[in-house]
Amino acid sequence: DDIDPPAQGGMDSGKIAVLSMKGSMDFVWYRTIRALDRLEMEDISLDKKHGKISFTTPALDGQPAGGESAESGWLSGLFKDDSDEKKSSKAEKFVLVLAEQPGYVNFTLLDSRGMEASSATAAQLRAALAMALE
């Protein structure tokens, strides 16, 4: 029935945001790697034994990458204001920790300090990841 289950977001008392997905660790692990690739994350580093995926968000310099328009990526929308000016943003490093629970996998997004990520970029990244995992 649940061959391709969607990711679900929510709040948990000890965490800023929880993202979880039904399925085994192997299934969710490979879906997550594909989702990060589709979101054009850079420097993806895998540590399956500890359930950690490190990656860097692409830096925005207002220049289209690979011939695409500057508005084509999800991240470019984060830094776009109403005046349609192009802004710069430096790349941010994150670690996604996957923890297997009975029947599903929880995701925790950590910032470069190893703390649960709470920035606006992290919130947008969680939302984009949830959509990419659907």
Protein backbone atom coordinates (compact mmCIF):
# COMPACT_ATOMS: atom_id res chain seq x y z
CA ASP A 1 0.00 0.00 0.00
CA ASP A 2 2.70 2.49 1.02
CA ILE A 3 5.22 1.74 -1.73
CA ASP A 4 6.27 5.37 -2.09
CA PRO A 5 5.22 7.11 1.14
CA PRO A 6 5.47 10.91 1.44
CA ALA A 7 7.62 12.69 3.99
CA GLN A 8 5.74 14.39 6.79
CA GLY A 9 6.72 17.41 8.84
CA GLY A 10 5.61 18.39 12.29
CA MET A 11 6.65 19.75 15.66
CA ASP A 12 8.07 17.82 18.58
CA SER A 13 8.50 19.19 22.10
CA GLY A 14 12.30 18.85 22.16
CA LYS A 15 12.99 19.85 18.58
CA ILE A 16 12.47 22.80 16.29
CA ALA A 17 10.99 20.71 13.50
CA VAL A 18 10.74 17.01 12.83
CA LEU A 19 10.66 15.48 9.41
CA SER A 20 9.83 11.80 9.19
CA MET A 21 9.20 9.29 6.45
CA LYS A 22 7.70 5.80 6.46
CA GLY A 23 9.97 3.02 5.35
CA SER A 24 13.19 1.24 6.14
CA MET A 25 16.48 3.07 6.65
CA ASP A 26 17.81 1.81 3.29
CA PHE A 27 14.74 3.03 1.42
CA VAL A 28 14.71 6.46 3.08
CA TRP A 29 18.52 6.83 2.84
CA TYR A 30 18.55 6.46 -0.95
CA ARG A 31 15.45 8.65 -1.39
CA THR A 32 17.14 11.37 0.69
CA ILE A 33 20.33 11.28 -1.38
CA ARG A 34 18.28 11.62 -4.57
CA ALA A 35 16.28 14.49 -3.07
CA LEU A 36 19.44 16.39 -2.07
CA ASP A 37 20.80 15.89 -5.56
CA ARG A 38 17.57 17.24 -7.10
CA LEU A 39 17.82 20.25 -4.76
CA GLU A 40 21.31 20.86 -6.19
CA MET A 41 23.12 20.56 -2.87
CA GLU A 42 26.91 20.52 -3.11
CA ASP A 43 29.73 18.58 -1.42
CA ILE A 44 27.45 15.74 -0.33
CA SER A 45 29.30 13.43 2.07
CA LEU A 46 27.75 10.17 3.27
CA ASP A 47 28.21 8.32 6.57
CA LYS A 48 25.59 5.59 6.39
CA LYS A 49 26.93 3.77 9.46
CA HIS A 50 26.02 6.79 11.63
CA GLY A 51 23.05 7.88 9.50
CA LYS A 52 24.61 11.25 8.59
CA ILE A 53 24.59 13.13 5.30
CA SER A 54 26.68 16.32 5.18
CA PHE A 55 26.10 18.84 2.40
CA THR A 56 26.46 22.48 1.48
CA THR A 57 23.78 24.73 0.06
CA PRO A 58 24.87 26.42 -3.16
CA ALA A 59 26.12 30.00 -2.86
CA LEU A 60 23.98 32.57 -4.64
CA ASP A 61 25.81 35.35 -6.41
CA GLY A 62 23.02 36.51 -8.69
CA GLN A 63 24.61 34.71 -11.63
CA PRO A 64 22.63 31.95 -13.32
CA ALA A 65 24.31 28.56 -13.03
CA GLY A 66 24.60 26.34 -16.06
CA GLY A 67 22.54 28.60 -18.29
CA GLU A 68 19.50 28.45 -16.02
CA SER A 69 17.64 31.53 -14.91
CA ALA A 70 18.54 32.82 -11.46
CA GLU A 71 14.97 32.14 -10.32
CA SER A 72 15.01 28.44 -11.22
CA GLY A 73 16.37 27.00 -7.96
CA TRP A 74 14.40 26.75 -4.71
CA LEU A 75 17.17 28.45 -2.79
CA SER A 76 17.25 31.51 -5.01
CA GLY A 77 13.72 32.31 -3.87
CA LEU A 78 14.90 32.61 -0.28
CA PHE A 79 16.93 35.70 -1.01
CA LYS A 80 14.69 37.39 -3.55
CA ASP A 81 12.85 40.51 -2.39
CA ASP A 82 9.88 42.37 -3.86
CA SER A 83 12.08 44.74 -5.85
CA ASP A 84 13.41 41.73 -7.79
CA GLU A 85 17.02 42.64 -6.93
CA LYS A 86 19.57 39.88 -7.07
CA LYS A 87 21.27 39.37 -3.74
CA SER A 88 24.32 37.42 -2.69
CA SER A 89 24.32 34.58 -0.21
CA LYS A 90 27.18 32.46 0.94
CA ALA A 91 26.96 28.70 1.02
CA GLU A 92 25.90 27.08 4.30
CA LYS A 93 26.94 23.66 5.55
CA PHE A 94 24.38 21.31 7.11
CA VAL A 95 24.28 17.74 8.41
CA LEU A 96 21.14 15.68 8.03
CA VAL A 97 20.89 12.93 10.65
CA LEU A 98 18.57 10.01 9.90
CA ALA A 99 17.38 7.95 12.88
CA GLU A 100 15.46 4.73 12.25
CA GLN A 101 12.33 4.14 14.33
CA PRO A 102 9.94 1.18 14.03
CA GLY A 103 8.38 1.62 10.58
CA TYR A 104 9.74 5.08 9.81
CA VAL A 105 12.85 7.30 9.84
CA ASN A 106 13.20 10.68 11.61
CA PHE A 107 15.35 13.46 10.16
CA THR A 108 17.22 16.07 12.21
CA LEU A 109 18.93 18.98 10.45
CA LEU A 110 22.10 20.24 12.15
CA ASP A 111 24.02 23.41 11.34
CA SER A 112 27.80 23.73 10.98
CA ARG A 113 28.18 23.90 14.79
CA GLY A 114 26.39 20.57 15.26
CA MET A 115 23.34 22.25 16.80
CA GLU A 116 19.81 21.79 15.49
CA ALA A 117 19.51 24.26 12.61
CA SER A 118 17.03 27.06 13.31
CA SER A 119 17.80 29.66 10.64
CA ALA A 120 15.36 30.79 7.97
CA THR A 121 17.47 28.92 5.42
CA ALA A 122 17.15 25.74 7.50
CA ALA A 123 13.37 26.12 7.66
CA GLN A 124 13.19 26.56 3.89
CA LEU A 125 15.55 23.61 3.43
CA ARG A 126 13.30 21.38 5.56
CA ALA A 127 10.26 22.41 3.52
CA ALA A 128 12.07 21.85 0.22
CA LEU A 129 13.38 18.48 1.39
CA ALA A 130 9.90 17.37 2.44
CA MET A 131 8.58 18.29 -1.02
CA ALA A 132 11.51 16.59 -2.79
CA LEU A 133 10.95 13.38 -0.79
CA GLU A 134 7.27 13.12 -1.79
